[in-house]
Protein backbone atom coordinates (compact mmCIF):
# COMPACT_ATOMS: atom_id res chain seq x y z
CA UNK A 1 98.11 122.06 101.18
CA UNK A 2 97.06 118.52 100.39
CA UNK A 3 97.48 115.26 102.28
CA UNK A 4 96.76 111.59 101.88
CA UNK A 5 97.08 108.53 104.09
CA UNK A 6 98.66 105.45 102.52
CA UNK A 7 99.71 102.02 103.73
CA UNK A 8 103.32 101.00 103.15
CA UNK A 9 103.05 97.78 101.17
CA UNK A 10 106.62 96.71 100.46
CA UNK A 11 108.05 93.98 102.72
CA UNK A 12 110.66 96.05 104.55
CA UNK A 13 109.03 99.44 104.95
CA UNK A 14 111.08 102.60 104.51
CA UNK A 15 114.58 101.39 105.36
CA UNK A 16 117.50 103.19 103.74
CA UNK A 17 117.12 101.84 100.18
CA UNK A 18 113.41 102.62 99.88
CA UNK A 19 113.70 105.84 101.87
CA UNK A 20 116.29 106.94 99.31
CA UNK A 21 113.88 106.16 96.44
CA UNK A 22 111.18 108.16 98.24
CA UNK A 23 113.49 111.13 98.84
CA UNK A 24 114.71 111.12 95.24
CA UNK A 25 111.12 111.32 94.03
CA UNK A 26 110.21 114.01 96.60
CA UNK A 27 113.15 116.14 95.46
CA UNK A 28 111.72 116.26 91.94
CA UNK A 29 109.16 118.76 93.24
CA UNK A 30 109.43 122.30 94.54
CA UNK A 31 106.73 121.85 97.17
CA UNK A 32 107.51 121.29 100.82
CA UNK A 33 106.74 117.66 101.61
CA UNK A 34 106.35 115.96 104.96
CA UNK A 35 105.80 112.39 106.05
CA UNK A 36 103.74 111.72 109.16
CA UNK A 37 103.55 108.55 111.23
CA UNK A 38 101.62 108.48 114.48
CA UNK A 39 102.26 111.89 116.06
CA UNK A 40 105.57 112.60 114.30
CA UNK A 41 106.12 114.72 111.19
CA UNK A 42 109.42 114.75 109.31
CA UNK A 43 110.76 116.38 106.18
CA UNK A 44 110.18 113.89 103.36
CA UNK A 45 113.37 115.11 101.67
CA UNK A 46 115.53 114.10 104.63
CA UNK A 47 116.97 110.60 104.95
CA UNK A 48 117.59 110.96 108.69
CA UNK A 49 114.08 112.30 109.17
CA UNK A 50 112.44 109.39 107.38
CA UNK A 51 114.62 106.77 109.06
CA UNK A 52 113.92 108.32 112.47
CA UNK A 53 110.19 107.52 112.31
CA UNK A 54 110.83 103.81 111.70
CA UNK A 55 108.23 103.03 109.04
CA UNK A 56 107.75 99.27 108.61
CA UNK A 57 105.58 97.18 106.30
CA UNK A 58 101.88 97.70 106.96
CA UNK A 59 102.29 101.09 108.67
CA UNK A 60 99.94 103.89 107.73
CA UNK A 61 101.68 107.14 106.87
CA UNK A 62 100.36 110.50 105.79
CA UNK A 63 102.07 112.40 103.00
CA UNK A 64 101.59 116.17 103.17
CA UNK A 65 102.57 118.50 100.33
CA UNK A 66 102.41 122.28 100.21
CA UNK A 67 103.45 124.40 97.24
CA UNK A 68 102.75 125.16 93.63
CA UNK A 69 103.19 121.55 92.46
CA UNK A 70 101.68 119.92 95.55
CA UNK A 71 99.06 117.89 93.67
CA UNK A 72 101.64 116.34 91.35
CA UNK A 73 104.03 115.69 94.23
CA UNK A 74 101.38 113.99 96.32
CA UNK A 75 100.17 111.84 93.42
CA UNK A 76 103.71 110.72 92.55
CA UNK A 77 104.64 109.81 96.12
CA UNK A 78 101.37 108.00 96.80
CA UNK A 79 101.84 106.03 93.59
CA UNK A 80 105.40 105.10 94.61
CA UNK A 81 104.30 103.76 97.99
CA UNK A 82 101.18 102.01 96.68
CA UNK A 83 103.23 100.26 93.99
CA UNK A 84 105.52 98.77 96.62
CA UNK A 85 108.34 100.96 95.24
CA UNK A 86 108.33 99.37 91.81
CA UNK A 87 110.42 101.68 89.62
């Protein structure tokens, strides 16, 4: 299992459009992936889960990946968030 804390840099946080980008990228990997904010952990492949934690610009989140491609999954998702969701 690997994990990394990142700051959400895009202006609107993880609202539906950016949450969808995040989920699409997470689904490219076989690993189980979670997103943590404060004391809540949600499935990073679930739109309702991500929207339920209300991530806004400047929030710190932790991405947790567990599985055979966990390192690649974590790197890809961290890069997506750190780029401000530039595709």
